[in-house]
């Protein structure tokens, strides 16, 4: 049984897969980049592969599914080789080891194989070596494969678009959308680009579980950002102590509702240069207005937002707007 498992760990089992070679591939070789070219399968040390060399549309992996895949590899071998490209010079990978290759597709397979590799250092993972110029096409295929296996959230799609531009794989967001999602029609591409704008403006650091946001929510946020409300949304998120997804959406929705109301009623009696949705009268004090179902609220945040200051403000409001005797 042990011999059978060891044998499986060093060869792919698919009948259509070419016979693997244990020789190290030449990084400068112009290895064919499509299945029609019948590329050679190489057996690589998993520790020499950088799993984070390219942006990923799926950043979390299901633990139960990984365990099943690991068992399957131990019993039957790896049926489908991963895809990598060779670096011109070695670099430090996501595990801190010296990497010679960047992962294009096969994150789940590589993760499972790395676990096996810890107890079986001799294990080598079957891999196709691709050309760097094929990376945009390979990323598009990786995304299409992932969407077949499990639905990718709008936020994850927007994230990989933004990251692919940041990594200079595509020059613009429009080019990234077209290259990574070539089968989408014009309307769906526009919505996906809007999501990418939100990811670019807000990022992952301010939102808790942004993957839970629906497409309709993200397109509303994108419209508000285009109206110049991106800084206001970011400030509101940073000042809020409610980090739950529900609480954060409630906060954002209040800003969006007010923006929508003003857009529908452009002549609302404001003076020129108004409305002001946030002011900073002191270095340590912010005042932000918010429309609520019951009316309006003024939110005071910052170190200077103290109880005594609230009393002073209430006294001033009473004096200015109270009934005159």
Protein backbone atom coordinates (compact mmCIF):
# COMPACT_ATOMS: atom_id res chain seq x y z
CA UNK A 1 0.00 0.00 0.00
CA UNK A 2 2.81 2.43 0.92
CA UNK A 3 4.62 1.73 -2.35
CA UNK A 4 1.42 2.36 -4.27
CA UNK A 5 0.86 5.71 -2.57
CA UNK A 6 4.47 6.78 -3.12
CA UNK A 7 4.23 5.93 -6.80
CA UNK A 8 1.03 7.92 -7.15
CA UNK A 9 2.62 10.97 -5.55
CA UNK A 10 5.22 11.24 -8.29
CA UNK A 11 3.07 10.82 -11.36
CA UNK A 12 -0.28 12.08 -12.75
CA UNK A 13 -2.85 9.38 -13.42
CA UNK A 14 -5.00 10.82 -16.22
CA UNK A 15 -4.73 8.65 -19.32
CA UNK A 16 -4.43 11.70 -21.59
CA UNK A 17 -1.58 13.25 -19.60
CA UNK A 18 1.86 13.07 -21.23
CA UNK A 19 4.58 11.06 -19.49
CA UNK A 20 6.24 13.28 -16.86
CA UNK A 21 9.91 14.13 -16.71
CA UNK A 22 11.93 14.61 -13.55
CA UNK A 23 14.43 16.93 -15.24
CA UNK A 24 14.29 20.57 -14.19
CA UNK A 25 12.74 22.69 -16.98
CA UNK A 26 14.72 25.53 -18.52
CA UNK A 27 13.12 28.87 -17.50
CA UNK A 28 14.06 30.38 -20.87
CA UNK A 29 12.51 27.55 -22.87
CA UNK A 30 9.57 28.53 -25.07
CA UNK A 31 7.27 25.83 -23.70
CA UNK A 32 3.95 25.56 -25.58
CA UNK A 33 1.11 27.22 -23.73
CA UNK A 34 -1.95 25.32 -24.89
CA UNK A 35 -3.19 21.79 -24.46
CA UNK A 36 -3.20 21.37 -28.24
CA UNK A 37 0.62 21.74 -28.15
CA UNK A 38 0.82 18.61 -25.93
CA UNK A 39 3.13 20.23 -23.36
CA UNK A 40 5.47 18.10 -21.29
CA UNK A 41 4.62 17.34 -17.67
CA UNK A 42 7.36 18.22 -15.17
CA UNK A 43 7.67 16.92 -11.62
CA UNK A 44 8.39 19.87 -9.32
CA UNK A 45 9.21 20.36 -5.67
CA UNK A 46 6.09 22.04 -4.17
CA UNK A 47 8.36 24.20 -2.00
CA UNK A 48 9.77 25.84 -5.13
CA UNK A 49 6.37 27.13 -6.30
CA UNK A 50 5.06 30.56 -5.29
CA UNK A 51 1.29 30.25 -4.84
CA UNK A 52 0.87 34.04 -4.56
CA UNK A 53 2.75 34.99 -7.71
CA UNK A 54 -0.53 35.94 -9.40
CA UNK A 55 -3.76 37.48 -8.09
CA UNK A 56 -6.43 34.94 -7.11
CA UNK A 57 -10.18 35.24 -7.43
CA UNK A 58 -10.71 32.81 -4.55
CA UNK A 59 -8.69 33.64 -1.43
CA UNK A 60 -10.26 31.11 0.98
CA UNK A 61 -10.29 27.34 0.58
CA UNK A 62 -12.82 24.92 2.04
CA UNK A 63 -11.05 22.81 4.67
CA UNK A 64 -13.26 19.75 4.21
CA UNK A 65 -12.80 19.82 0.45
CA UNK A 66 -9.03 20.10 0.89
CA UNK A 67 -9.00 17.07 3.17
CA UNK A 68 -10.94 15.06 0.58
CA UNK A 69 -8.56 16.14 -2.17
CA UNK A 70 -5.55 15.20 -0.05
CA UNK A 71 -6.98 11.71 0.50
CA UNK A 72 -7.74 11.37 -3.20
CA UNK A 73 -4.17 12.28 -4.12
CA UNK A 74 -2.78 9.76 -1.64
CA UNK A 75 -4.97 6.98 -3.02
CA UNK A 76 -5.17 7.75 -6.73
CA UNK A 77 -2.54 10.36 -7.50
CA UNK A 78 -3.05 13.83 -8.96
CA UNK A 79 -5.29 13.52 -12.01
CA UNK A 80 -4.72 17.02 -13.41
CA UNK A 81 -1.29 18.73 -13.32
CA UNK A 82 -1.07 22.29 -12.05
CA UNK A 83 0.13 25.13 -14.31
CA UNK A 84 3.21 27.23 -13.53
CA UNK A 85 5.69 29.52 -15.23
CA UNK A 86 9.42 29.74 -14.51
CA UNK A 87 10.94 32.85 -12.92
CA UNK A 88 14.01 34.33 -14.56
CA UNK A 89 15.59 34.56 -11.10
CA UNK A 90 14.51 32.74 -7.90
CA UNK A 91 12.38 34.66 -5.42
CA UNK A 92 10.97 34.11 -1.95
CA UNK A 93 7.56 32.46 -2.14
CA UNK A 94 4.46 32.62 0.08
CA UNK A 95 5.94 30.07 2.52
CA UNK A 96 9.32 31.78 2.81
CA UNK A 97 11.17 29.25 0.65
CA UNK A 98 13.19 29.96 -2.46
CA UNK A 99 10.79 29.73 -5.41
CA UNK A 100 11.65 29.07 -9.04
CA UNK A 101 8.07 28.97 -10.35
CA UNK A 102 4.86 30.97 -10.09
CA UNK A 103 1.49 29.25 -9.83
CA UNK A 104 -1.00 30.00 -12.60
CA UNK A 105 -3.75 27.48 -11.82
CA UNK A 106 -4.20 24.70 -9.29
CA UNK A 107 -4.24 26.44 -5.89
CA UNK A 108 -6.29 23.70 -4.22
CA UNK A 109 -4.13 20.96 -5.74
CA UNK A 110 -0.90 22.68 -4.67
CA UNK A 111 -2.20 23.32 -1.15
CA UNK A 112 -3.18 19.68 -0.70
CA UNK A 113 0.11 18.50 -2.16
CA UNK A 114 2.09 20.76 0.19
CA UNK A 115 0.42 19.09 3.15
CA UNK A 116 1.45 15.72 1.84
CA UNK A 117 4.95 17.04 1.13
CA UNK A 118 5.48 17.82 4.82
CA UNK A 119 5.46 14.13 5.69
CA UNK A 120 6.81 12.93 2.33
CA UNK A 121 9.57 15.34 1.25
CA UNK A 122 10.28 13.20 -1.81
CA UNK A 123 6.82 13.90 -3.27
CA UNK A 124 6.84 15.91 -6.49
CA UNK A 125 3.80 17.58 -8.03
CA UNK A 126 3.05 17.19 -11.77
CA UNK A 127 3.01 20.56 -13.54
CA UNK A 128 2.70 22.08 -17.00
CA UNK A 129 5.25 24.82 -17.65
CA UNK A 130 3.66 27.83 -19.39
CA UNK A 131 5.14 30.91 -21.03
CA UNK A 132 4.87 34.26 -19.19
CA UNK A 133 3.13 35.86 -22.17
CA UNK A 134 0.31 33.34 -21.76
CA UNK A 135 -0.47 34.48 -18.20
CA UNK A 136 -3.50 36.73 -18.99
CA UNK A 137 -5.12 33.91 -20.98
CA UNK A 138 -4.21 31.40 -18.28
CA UNK A 139 -5.78 33.62 -15.62
CA UNK A 140 -8.99 33.84 -17.65
CA UNK A 141 -9.09 30.06 -17.90
CA UNK A 142 -8.42 29.73 -14.18
CA UNK A 143 -11.32 32.04 -13.41
CA UNK A 144 -13.65 30.15 -15.75
CA UNK A 145 -12.63 26.85 -14.12
CA UNK A 146 -13.22 28.21 -10.62
CA UNK A 147 -16.67 29.53 -11.49
CA UNK A 148 -17.69 26.09 -12.72
CA UNK A 149 -16.60 24.50 -9.44
CA UNK A 150 -17.96 27.14 -7.05
CA UNK A 151 -19.55 30.53 -7.49
CA UNK A 152 -17.17 33.45 -7.01
CA UNK A 153 -18.58 36.48 -5.20
CA UNK A 154 -18.74 39.87 -6.97
CA UNK A 155 -16.18 41.26 -4.51
CA UNK A 156 -13.71 38.47 -5.28
CA UNK A 157 -14.13 39.15 -9.00
CA UNK A 158 -13.53 42.85 -8.45
CA UNK A 159 -10.49 42.11 -6.31
CA UNK A 160 -8.73 40.02 -8.95
CA UNK A 161 -9.42 42.70 -11.56
CA UNK A 162 -7.81 45.36 -9.36
CA UNK A 163 -4.89 43.13 -8.42
CA UNK A 164 -4.20 42.15 -12.02
CA UNK A 165 -3.87 45.84 -12.94
CA UNK A 166 -1.68 46.50 -9.90
CA UNK A 167 0.58 43.62 -10.98
CA UNK A 168 0.84 45.12 -14.52
CA UNK A 169 -0.80 42.07 -16.07
CA UNK A 170 -3.36 44.41 -17.64
CA UNK A 171 -2.96 48.16 -18.21
CA UNK A 172 -6.44 49.29 -17.11
CA UNK A 173 -9.55 48.06 -15.32
CA UNK A 174 -11.40 47.90 -18.65
CA UNK A 175 -8.65 45.77 -20.18
CA UNK A 176 -8.66 43.47 -17.14
CA UNK A 177 -12.43 42.99 -17.27
CA UNK A 178 -12.30 42.22 -20.99
CA UNK A 179 -9.33 39.88 -20.63
CA UNK A 180 -10.44 37.96 -17.55
CA UNK A 181 -14.15 37.74 -18.39
CA UNK A 182 -14.26 37.61 -22.21
CA UNK A 183 -17.68 35.93 -22.40
CA UNK A 184 -19.60 38.64 -20.54
CA UNK A 185 -21.84 41.02 -22.45
CA UNK A 186 -21.37 44.80 -22.31
CA UNK A 187 -23.85 45.34 -19.48
CA UNK A 188 -22.36 42.70 -17.21
CA UNK A 189 -18.86 43.96 -17.92
CA UNK A 190 -19.96 47.45 -16.88
CA UNK A 191 -21.34 46.10 -13.60
CA UNK A 192 -18.14 44.17 -12.96
CA UNK A 193 -16.06 47.24 -13.64
CA UNK A 194 -18.18 49.14 -11.12
CA UNK A 195 -17.41 46.48 -8.52
CA UNK A 196 -13.70 46.82 -9.29
CA UNK A 197 -13.98 50.57 -8.67
CA UNK A 198 -15.38 49.89 -5.20
CA UNK A 199 -12.58 47.43 -4.41
CA UNK A 200 -10.02 49.95 -5.61
CA UNK A 201 -11.52 52.81 -3.60
CA UNK A 202 -12.35 51.03 -0.33
CA UNK A 203 -10.21 47.89 -0.37
CA UNK A 204 -10.40 44.92 1.97
CA UNK A 205 -9.10 46.62 5.09
CA UNK A 206 -12.24 48.59 5.98
CA UNK A 207 -14.95 46.01 5.34
CA UNK A 208 -15.69 42.85 7.27
CA UNK A 209 -16.44 39.94 4.93
CA UNK A 210 -16.97 42.09 1.81
CA UNK A 211 -17.55 38.82 -0.07
CA UNK A 212 -21.07 38.85 1.40
CA UNK A 213 -22.03 42.07 -0.42
CA UNK A 214 -24.40 41.50 -3.33
CA UNK A 215 -23.89 42.91 -6.80
CA UNK A 216 -26.75 45.39 -6.37
CA UNK A 217 -25.18 46.72 -3.17
CA UNK A 218 -21.77 47.12 -4.76
CA UNK A 219 -23.11 48.90 -7.84
CA UNK A 220 -24.91 51.38 -5.57
CA UNK A 221 -21.65 52.04 -3.73
CA UNK A 222 -19.87 52.50 -7.06
CA UNK A 223 -22.42 55.11 -8.14
CA UNK A 224 -21.88 56.99 -4.87
CA UNK A 225 -18.11 56.89 -5.37
CA UNK A 226 -18.57 58.38 -8.84
CA UNK A 227 -20.51 61.20 -7.19
CA UNK A 228 -17.51 61.95 -5.01
CA UNK A 229 -18.65 60.20 -1.81
CA UNK A 230 -15.80 57.69 -1.59
CA UNK A 231 -13.93 59.62 1.12
CA UNK A 232 -17.13 60.02 3.15
CA UNK A 233 -17.84 56.28 3.03
CA UNK A 234 -14.28 55.45 4.02
CA UNK A 235 -14.36 57.91 6.91
CA UNK A 236 -17.68 56.58 8.17
CA UNK A 237 -16.32 53.02 8.14
CA UNK A 238 -13.11 54.01 9.91
CA UNK A 239 -14.95 55.90 12.68
CA UNK A 240 -17.58 53.23 13.27
CA UNK A 241 -17.11 50.70 16.08
CA UNK A 242 -19.65 48.33 14.55
CA UNK A 243 -17.55 45.94 12.47
CA UNK A 244 -20.32 43.51 11.64
CA UNK A 245 -21.25 43.21 7.94
CA UNK A 246 -24.85 44.13 8.80
CA UNK A 247 -23.81 47.22 10.76
CA UNK A 248 -21.42 48.38 8.07
CA UNK A 249 -24.02 48.04 5.34
CA UNK A 250 -26.55 49.96 7.44
CA UNK A 251 -24.01 52.77 7.78
CA UNK A 252 -23.19 52.80 4.06
CA UNK A 253 -26.84 52.55 3.06
CA UNK A 254 -27.68 55.74 4.98
CA UNK A 255 -25.08 57.62 2.91
CA UNK A 256 -26.37 56.06 -0.31
CA UNK A 257 -30.00 56.86 0.51
CA UNK A 258 -29.19 60.51 1.11
CA UNK A 259 -27.18 60.71 -2.10
CA UNK A 260 -30.04 59.12 -4.03
CA UNK A 261 -32.52 61.55 -2.45
CA UNK A 262 -30.42 64.56 -3.42
CA UNK A 263 -29.99 63.21 -6.96
CA UNK A 264 -33.76 62.88 -7.33
CA UNK A 265 -34.34 66.34 -5.86
CA UNK A 266 -31.58 68.59 -7.23
CA UNK A 267 -33.42 71.76 -6.13
CA UNK A 268 -33.68 71.13 -2.41
CA UNK A 269 -33.10 74.71 -1.26
CA UNK A 270 -29.37 74.34 -0.57
CA UNK A 271 -27.05 77.29 -0.82
CA UNK A 272 -24.19 77.15 -3.36
CA UNK A 273 -21.52 74.65 -2.36
CA UNK A 274 -23.98 72.63 -0.30
CA UNK A 275 -24.85 70.13 1.01
CA UNK A 276 -21.84 69.46 3.18
CA UNK A 277 -22.01 65.91 4.46
CA UNK A 278 -19.00 66.07 6.75
CA UNK A 279 -16.90 68.79 8.39
CA UNK A 280 -13.82 68.75 10.60
CA UNK A 281 -14.02 71.85 12.81
CA UNK A 282 -11.08 70.65 14.92
CA UNK A 283 -8.18 68.29 14.37
CA UNK A 284 -9.80 65.73 16.68
CA UNK A 285 -13.46 66.29 15.86
CA UNK A 286 -15.56 65.19 12.91
CA UNK A 287 -19.23 65.96 12.32
CA UNK A 288 -21.12 63.92 9.77
CA UNK A 289 -24.77 64.30 8.89
CA UNK A 290 -26.89 61.28 8.12
CA UNK A 291 -30.44 60.91 6.80
CA UNK A 292 -32.53 58.39 8.72
CA UNK A 293 -36.08 57.07 8.23
CA UNK A 294 -37.17 59.35 11.09
CA UNK A 295 -35.36 62.46 9.97
CA UNK A 296 -31.72 63.51 10.32
CA UNK A 297 -28.81 62.73 12.65
CA UNK A 298 -25.53 64.48 13.28
CA UNK A 299 -22.75 62.08 14.21
CA UNK A 300 -19.85 63.45 16.25
CA UNK A 301 -16.69 61.34 16.27
CA UNK A 302 -13.09 61.76 17.34
CA UNK A 303 -11.34 62.29 20.69
CA UNK A 304 -12.99 65.69 21.19
CA UNK A 305 -16.51 64.25 20.83
CA UNK A 306 -17.22 64.28 24.57
CA UNK A 307 -20.33 64.52 26.70
CA UNK A 308 -19.66 68.12 27.79
CA UNK A 309 -19.20 69.14 24.16
CA UNK A 310 -22.60 67.62 23.35
CA UNK A 311 -24.14 69.75 26.11
CA UNK A 312 -22.54 72.87 24.64
CA UNK A 313 -23.87 72.01 21.19
CA UNK A 314 -27.38 71.34 22.53
CA UNK A 315 -27.29 74.68 24.38
CA UNK A 316 -26.29 76.43 21.15
CA UNK A 317 -29.02 74.72 19.14
CA UNK A 318 -31.57 75.61 21.79
CA UNK A 319 -30.50 79.23 21.74
CA UNK A 320 -30.47 79.54 17.97
CA UNK A 321 -33.57 77.56 17.09
CA UNK A 322 -35.67 77.51 20.23
CA UNK A 323 -38.88 79.45 20.56
CA UNK A 324 -38.28 83.07 21.41
CA UNK A 325 -40.10 84.17 24.57
